[in-house]
Structure formats: C-alpha cells, structure tokens
Amino acid sequence: MNALLRRTLLLCAATLTLGAANRIAYSELHTLEKSFDRRIAAYNLDAPMDLIGFTRGVYIENYGAVFTAEVNLLLSAGASPFRPKFTPEVIERLRQRKLERVPELKRLMRDMMVSTGTSLQQMPPTQQVVVGVSLFYHSFEDTKGLPAQIVMQAPRSALVEFETGKRTAAALDSAIQVREF
C-alpha cells in the first residue's frame, strides 16, 4: 500500500472516529426531555404551569443540543358558554400572575441547561445548549409586557464549570444569552 493511500485511509478513519465520538443518542435527549417535562409539571401543584405537548430535543452536529417546549404560565380556563367573557379585572389579575411566573420559568430553563450540559458528556465543551420556550396565551388575555418566546443559550463548558464549582452563579448568568421575543 503506498504512503498516500495509507494516509488517506488513516485520515478517513480518524474523521469517522471523531464524528462518532460526538454523536448523541436520542435516548439521552429523550431522558432530558422527560426531565424538563417533570420540572414544569411539578413546579407548583396548587397553581401549575401547563406544558402543552412535550419537550422536544435535537442534537445538531457541530452546534449542540436544542430543546423546545410550549408552556402556559398559569393553567387557566378559556371562554365557555358558562363564562363567555372575562372582566377587565380578571384579565389584569391573570396577566400579573403570569408576569410573576416569568422569572420562575427562566430558573427552570436555566436548571435544564445545567443538567443538559453535565449529562451530555460526549458533546464538545464549545458546543451550545439551547432551551427555547414558546408561551401560550388565550385570545382574550392581555399580553402587554409578557414574552411570546424565551430562548436561552450557553456553551456547554460554562454549564459544566458551574456544576463543578469552577464558575459562580453570577458568572454563569453572564455566560447565558437570554432573548425574549
């Protein structure tokens, strides 16, 4: 076998090995999806958030892990024949209660990012962990000041450093990009 062919075969083998090392099994993503679902469901049993559908995760090679969910910040009844309209006071109270929940949802999302970063050990530290939540609102709600979507993103390395005590909570918060739409 000539030297050029041998080098080519070694390069191909190394490329395949590196690609396989970073591959994330769906079973690992599924475990993290269910974990986020449980966190949302267990948030407040007296006044729960409503997870609409299930959390979905995907791994994008050379980028990282992305999880999405749709959440109603406060389980609330819609209009019905028995209650066709809501008073302005009820609508405002619902809006205020949802505004109070936004920081708690962000905390749950941050916790999800940290557990994802530490769980997906074969994912390179420079790759991203992203959690995006779309918020559900009834058509009668006043959504002034409420986000329609929250997206959080950080490199896996920052999440692992926080979990292992090498990064403070404040340093982690500065590493997480938070965007609200």
C-alpha atoms as a PDB file:
ATOM      1  CA  MET A   1       0.000   0.000   0.000  1.00  0.00           C
ATOM      2  CA  ASN A   2       1.526   3.294  -0.978  1.00  0.00           C
ATOM      3  CA  ALA A   3       2.037   6.084   1.580  1.00  0.00           C
ATOM      4  CA  LEU A   4      -0.586   8.402   0.073  1.00  0.00           C
ATOM      5  CA  LEU A   5      -3.297   5.734   0.197  1.00  0.00           C
ATOM      6  CA  ARG A   6      -2.313   4.806   3.770  1.00  0.00           C
ATOM      7  CA  ARG A   7      -2.519   8.458   4.913  1.00  0.00           C
ATOM      8  CA  THR A   8      -5.883   8.874   3.177  1.00  0.00           C
ATOM      9  CA  LEU A   9      -7.297   5.779   4.905  1.00  0.00           C
ATOM     10  CA  LEU A  10      -5.974   6.940   8.288  1.00  0.00           C
ATOM     11  CA  LEU A  11      -7.482  10.385   7.788  1.00  0.00           C
ATOM     12  CA  CYS A  12     -10.869   8.866   6.867  1.00  0.00           C
ATOM     13  CA  ALA A  13     -10.765   6.567   9.894  1.00  0.00           C
ATOM     14  CA  ALA A  14      -9.864   9.451  12.207  1.00  0.00           C
ATOM     15  CA  THR A  15     -12.691  11.586  10.796  1.00  0.00           C
ATOM     16  CA  LEU A  16     -15.223   8.794  11.279  1.00  0.00           C
ATOM     17  CA  THR A  17     -13.977   8.151  14.815  1.00  0.00           C
ATOM     18  CA  LEU A  18     -14.200  11.825  15.790  1.00  0.00           C
ATOM     19  CA  GLY A  19     -17.699  12.129  14.340  1.00  0.00           C
ATOM     20  CA  ALA A  20     -18.875   9.033  16.179  1.00  0.00           C
ATOM     21  CA  ALA A  21     -17.407  10.290  19.475  1.00  0.00           C
ATOM     22  CA  ASN A  22     -19.608  13.393  19.375  1.00  0.00           C
ATOM     23  CA  ARG A  23     -22.795  11.671  18.290  1.00  0.00           C
ATOM     24  CA  ILE A  24     -25.554  11.983  20.871  1.00  0.00           C
ATOM     25  CA  ALA A  25     -28.004   9.109  21.179  1.00  0.00           C
ATOM     26  CA  TYR A  26     -31.679  10.057  21.050  1.00  0.00           C
ATOM     27  CA  SER A  27     -32.222   8.071  24.259  1.00  0.00           C
ATOM     28  CA  GLU A  28     -30.042  10.627  26.078  1.00  0.00           C
ATOM     29  CA  LEU A  29     -32.037  13.526  24.637  1.00  0.00           C
ATOM     30  CA  HIS A  30     -35.297  11.762  25.483  1.00  0.00           C
ATOM     31  CA  THR A  31     -34.248  11.409  29.126  1.00  0.00           C
ATOM     32  CA  LEU A  32     -33.558  15.159  29.270  1.00  0.00           C
ATOM     33  CA  GLU A  33     -36.881  15.937  27.535  1.00  0.00           C
ATOM     34  CA  LYS A  34     -38.783  13.962  30.181  1.00  0.00           C
ATOM     35  CA  SER A  35     -36.791  15.640  32.956  1.00  0.00           C
ATOM     36  CA  PHE A  36     -37.851  19.099  31.745  1.00  0.00           C
ATOM     37  CA  ASP A  37     -41.471  17.932  31.414  1.00  0.00           C
ATOM     38  CA  ARG A  38     -41.389  16.718  35.040  1.00  0.00           C
ATOM     39  CA  ARG A  39     -39.901  20.020  36.258  1.00  0.00           C
ATOM     40  CA  ILE A  40     -42.667  22.000  34.577  1.00  0.00           C
ATOM     41  CA  ALA A  41     -45.378  19.638  35.871  1.00  0.00           C
ATOM     42  CA  ALA A  42     -44.033  19.700  39.436  1.00  0.00           C
ATOM     43  CA  TYR A  43     -43.426  23.467  39.552  1.00  0.00           C
ATOM     44  CA  ASN A  44     -46.488  24.327  41.636  1.00  0.00           C
ATOM     45  CA  LEU A  45     -49.124  21.688  42.244  1.00  0.00           C
ATOM     46  CA  ASP A  46     -51.656  24.230  43.567  1.00  0.00           C
ATOM     47  CA  ALA A  47     -51.345  26.574  40.577  1.00  0.00           C
ATOM     48  CA  PRO A  48     -49.493  24.601  37.893  1.00  0.00           C
ATOM     49  CA  MET A  49     -47.934  25.693  34.662  1.00  0.00           C
ATOM     50  CA  ASP A  50     -49.400  23.857  31.705  1.00  0.00           C
ATOM     51  CA  LEU A  51     -46.993  22.030  29.421  1.00  0.00           C
ATOM     52  CA  ILE A  52     -48.607  21.942  26.000  1.00  0.00           C
ATOM     53  CA  GLY A  53     -47.353  18.842  24.231  1.00  0.00           C
ATOM     54  CA  PHE A  54     -43.972  17.501  25.225  1.00  0.00           C
ATOM     55  CA  THR A  55     -40.481  18.955  25.250  1.00  0.00           C
ATOM     56  CA  ARG A  56     -38.514  18.082  22.126  1.00  0.00           C
ATOM     57  CA  GLY A  57     -34.741  17.893  21.848  1.00  0.00           C
ATOM     58  CA  VAL A  58     -32.439  17.593  18.884  1.00  0.00           C
ATOM     59  CA  TYR A  59     -28.698  17.376  18.575  1.00  0.00           C
ATOM     60  CA  ILE A  60     -27.211  19.368  15.709  1.00  0.00           C
ATOM     61  CA  GLU A  61     -23.704  18.222  14.825  1.00  0.00           C
ATOM     62  CA  ASN A  62     -21.055  20.915  15.198  1.00  0.00           C
ATOM     63  CA  TYR A  63     -23.560  23.144  17.039  1.00  0.00           C
ATOM     64  CA  GLY A  64     -25.059  21.452  20.101  1.00  0.00           C
ATOM     65  CA  ALA A  65     -28.308  20.401  21.756  1.00  0.00           C
ATOM     66  CA  VAL A  66     -31.558  22.329  21.312  1.00  0.00           C
ATOM     67  CA  PHE A  67     -34.702  21.779  23.382  1.00  0.00           C
ATOM     68  CA  THR A  68     -38.081  23.389  22.746  1.00  0.00           C
ATOM     69  CA  ALA A  69     -41.365  23.398  24.622  1.00  0.00           C
ATOM     70  CA  GLU A  70     -44.648  25.281  24.723  1.00  0.00           C
ATOM     71  CA  VAL A  71     -45.932  26.372  28.117  1.00  0.00           C
ATOM     72  CA  ASN A  72     -48.928  28.209  29.515  1.00  0.00           C
ATOM     73  CA  LEU A  73     -47.524  30.029  32.548  1.00  0.00           C
ATOM     74  CA  LEU A  74     -50.719  29.538  34.515  1.00  0.00           C
ATOM     75  CA  LEU A  75     -53.360  26.950  33.863  1.00  0.00           C
ATOM     76  CA  SER A  76     -56.488  28.977  33.208  1.00  0.00           C
ATOM     77  CA  ALA A  77     -59.876  28.277  31.750  1.00  0.00           C
ATOM     78  CA  GLY A  78     -60.818  29.734  28.416  1.00  0.00           C
ATOM     79  CA  ALA A  79     -64.140  31.280  27.488  1.00  0.00           C
ATOM     80  CA  SER A  80     -67.083  28.874  27.575  1.00  0.00           C
ATOM     81  CA  PRO A  81     -70.888  29.022  27.401  1.00  0.00           C
ATOM     82  CA  PHE A  82     -70.870  29.300  31.195  1.00  0.00           C
ATOM     83  CA  ARG A  83     -68.321  32.127  31.172  1.00  0.00           C
ATOM     84  CA  PRO A  84     -68.383  33.815  27.779  1.00  0.00           C
ATOM     85  CA  LYS A  85     -66.450  36.932  28.857  1.00  0.00           C
ATOM     86  CA  PHE A  86     -63.855  37.797  31.433  1.00  0.00           C
ATOM     87  CA  THR A  87     -63.950  41.078  33.302  1.00  0.00           C
ATOM     88  CA  PRO A  88     -61.064  43.515  32.828  1.00  0.00           C
ATOM     89  CA  GLU A  89     -60.104  42.918  36.488  1.00  0.00           C
ATOM     90  CA  VAL A  90     -59.833  39.139  35.967  1.00  0.00           C
ATOM     91  CA  ILE A  91     -57.801  39.645  32.797  1.00  0.00           C
ATOM     92  CA  GLU A  92     -55.414  42.023  34.567  1.00  0.00           C
ATOM     93  CA  ARG A  93     -55.031  39.674  37.553  1.00  0.00           C
ATOM     94  CA  LEU A  94     -54.189  36.813  35.156  1.00  0.00           C
ATOM     95  CA  ARG A  95     -51.597  38.996  33.393  1.00  0.00           C
ATOM     96  CA  GLN A  96     -49.989  39.986  36.712  1.00  0.00           C
ATOM     97  CA  ARG A  97     -49.799  36.374  37.877  1.00  0.00           C
ATOM     98  CA  LYS A  98     -48.182  35.362  34.579  1.00  0.00           C
ATOM     99  CA  LEU A  99     -45.686  38.228  34.832  1.00  0.00           C
ATOM    100  CA  GLU A 100     -44.694  36.875  38.261  1.00  0.00           C
ATOM    101  CA  ARG A 101     -44.116  33.433  36.726  1.00  0.00           C
ATOM    102  CA  VAL A 102     -41.677  34.518  34.004  1.00  0.00           C
ATOM    103  CA  PRO A 103     -38.625  34.587  36.360  1.00  0.00           C
ATOM    104  CA  GLU A 104     -39.569  31.132  37.669  1.00  0.00           C
ATOM    105  CA  LEU A 105     -39.807  29.739  34.144  1.00  0.00           C
ATOM    106  CA  LYS A 106     -36.386  31.222  33.408  1.00  0.00           C
ATOM    107  CA  ARG A 107     -34.998  29.498  36.516  1.00  0.00           C
ATOM    108  CA  LEU A 108     -36.437  26.163  35.331  1.00  0.00           C
ATOM    109  CA  MET A 109     -34.921  26.739  31.889  1.00  0.00           C
ATOM    110  CA  ARG A 110     -31.517  27.574  33.413  1.00  0.00           C
ATOM    111  CA  ASP A 111     -31.645  24.410  35.549  1.00  0.00           C
ATOM    112  CA  MET A 112     -32.487  22.416  32.416  1.00  0.00           C
ATOM    113  CA  MET A 113     -29.469  23.894  30.653  1.00  0.00           C
ATOM    114  CA  VAL A 114     -27.134  22.963  33.517  1.00  0.00           C
ATOM    115  CA  SER A 115     -28.410  19.388  33.714  1.00  0.00           C
ATOM    116  CA  THR A 116     -28.119  19.066  29.938  1.00  0.00           C
ATOM    117  CA  GLY A 117     -24.576  20.393  29.937  1.00  0.00           C
ATOM    118  CA  THR A 118     -23.457  17.946  32.592  1.00  0.00           C
ATOM    119  CA  SER A 119     -25.408  14.972  31.191  1.00  0.00           C
ATOM    120  CA  LEU A 120     -24.200  15.157  27.590  1.00  0.00           C
ATOM    121  CA  GLN A 121     -20.566  14.446  28.445  1.00  0.00           C
ATOM    122  CA  GLN A 122     -19.588  13.383  24.919  1.00  0.00           C
ATOM    123  CA  MET A 123     -20.726  16.747  23.500  1.00  0.00           C
ATOM    124  CA  PRO A 124     -17.718  19.040  22.968  1.00  0.00           C
ATOM    125  CA  PRO A 125     -17.458  21.815  25.578  1.00  0.00           C
ATOM    126  CA  THR A 126     -17.528  24.544  22.921  1.00  0.00           C
ATOM    127  CA  GLN A 127     -20.906  23.436  21.596  1.00  0.00           C
ATOM    128  CA  GLN A 128     -24.110  25.131  22.690  1.00  0.00           C
ATOM    129  CA  VAL A 129     -27.001  24.117  24.904  1.00  0.00           C
ATOM    130  CA  VAL A 130     -30.195  25.935  23.919  1.00  0.00           C
ATOM    131  CA  VAL A 131     -33.591  25.868  25.614  1.00  0.00           C
ATOM    132  CA  GLY A 132     -36.447  27.691  23.915  1.00  0.00           C
ATOM    133  CA  VAL A 133     -39.944  28.033  25.329  1.00  0.00           C
ATOM    134  CA  SER A 134     -42.904  29.418  23.414  1.00  0.00           C
ATOM    135  CA  LEU A 135     -45.626  30.779  25.658  1.00  0.00           C
ATOM    136  CA  PHE A 136     -49.310  30.074  25.104  1.00  0.00           C
ATOM    137  CA  TYR A 137     -51.940  32.740  25.671  1.00  0.00           C
ATOM    138  CA  HIS A 138     -55.706  32.685  25.219  1.00  0.00           C
ATOM    139  CA  SER A 139     -57.062  35.199  22.721  1.00  0.00           C
ATOM    140  CA  PHE A 140     -58.775  37.196  25.499  1.00  0.00           C
ATOM    141  CA  GLU A 141     -55.564  37.707  27.505  1.00  0.00           C
ATOM    142  CA  ASP A 142     -53.690  40.985  27.791  1.00  0.00           C
ATOM    143  CA  THR A 143     -50.090  40.038  26.947  1.00  0.00           C
ATOM    144  CA  LYS A 144     -48.567  43.511  27.423  1.00  0.00           C
ATOM    145  CA  GLY A 145     -45.128  43.034  28.954  1.00  0.00           C
ATOM    146  CA  LEU A 146     -45.233  39.248  28.559  1.00  0.00           C
ATOM    147  CA  PRO A 147     -42.857  37.449  26.201  1.00  0.00           C
ATOM    148  CA  ALA A 148     -44.148  35.231  23.414  1.00  0.00           C
ATOM    149  CA  GLN A 149     -40.935  33.222  23.489  1.00  0.00           C
ATOM    150  CA  ILE A 150     -37.849  32.897  25.692  1.00  0.00           C
ATOM    151  CA  VAL A 151     -34.613  31.447  24.316  1.00  0.00           C
ATOM    152  CA  MET A 152     -31.571  30.703  26.493  1.00  0.00           C
ATOM    153  CA  GLN A 153     -28.206  29.648  25.112  1.00  0.00           C
ATOM    154  CA  ALA A 154     -24.774  28.929  26.589  1.00  0.00           C
ATOM    155  CA  PRO A 155     -21.652  26.942  25.781  1.00  0.00           C
ATOM    156  CA  ARG A 156     -21.611  23.551  27.460  1.00  0.00           C
ATOM    157  CA  SER A 157     -18.289  24.438  29.130  1.00  0.00           C
ATOM    158  CA  ALA A 158     -19.875  27.275  31.150  1.00  0.00           C
ATOM    159  CA  LEU A 159     -22.628  24.952  32.388  1.00  0.00           C
ATOM    160  CA  VAL A 160     -20.181  22.228  33.435  1.00  0.00           C
ATOM    161  CA  GLU A 161     -17.898  24.755  35.148  1.00  0.00           C
ATOM    162  CA  PHE A 162     -20.865  25.994  37.198  1.00  0.00           C
ATOM    163  CA  GLU A 163     -21.943  22.481  38.147  1.00  0.00           C
ATOM    164  CA  THR A 164     -18.394  21.560  39.239  1.00  0.00           C
ATOM    165  CA  GLY A 165     -17.967  24.763  41.286  1.00  0.00           C
ATOM    166  CA  LYS A 166     -15.436  26.383  38.943  1.00  0.00           C
ATOM    167  CA  ARG A 167     -17.863  29.165  37.991  1.00  0.00           C
ATOM    168  CA  THR A 168     -20.132  31.252  40.220  1.00  0.00           C
ATOM    169  CA  ALA A 169     -23.856  31.651  39.616  1.00  0.00           C
ATOM    170  CA  ALA A 170     -23.238  35.261  38.566  1.00  0.00           C
ATOM    171  CA  ALA A 171     -20.576  34.165  36.079  1.00  0.00           C
ATOM    172  CA  LEU A 172     -22.936  31.535  34.706  1.00  0.00           C
ATOM    173  CA  ASP A 173     -25.701  34.111  34.321  1.00  0.00           C
ATOM    174  CA  SER A 174     -23.344  36.319  32.334  1.00  0.00           C
ATOM    175  CA  ALA A 175     -22.454  33.370  30.048  1.00  0.00           C
ATOM    176  CA  ILE A 176     -26.101  32.582  29.282  1.00  0.00           C
ATOM    177  CA  GLN A 177     -27.620  34.592  26.461  1.00  0.00           C
ATOM    178  CA  VAL A 178     -31.299  35.231  27.132  1.00  0.00           C
ATOM    179  CA  ARG A 179     -33.536  36.534  24.372  1.00  0.00           C
ATOM    180  CA  GLU A 180     -37.214  37.322  24.708  1.00  0.00           C
ATOM    181  CA  PHE A 181     -39.467  37.853  21.763  1.00  0.00           C
END
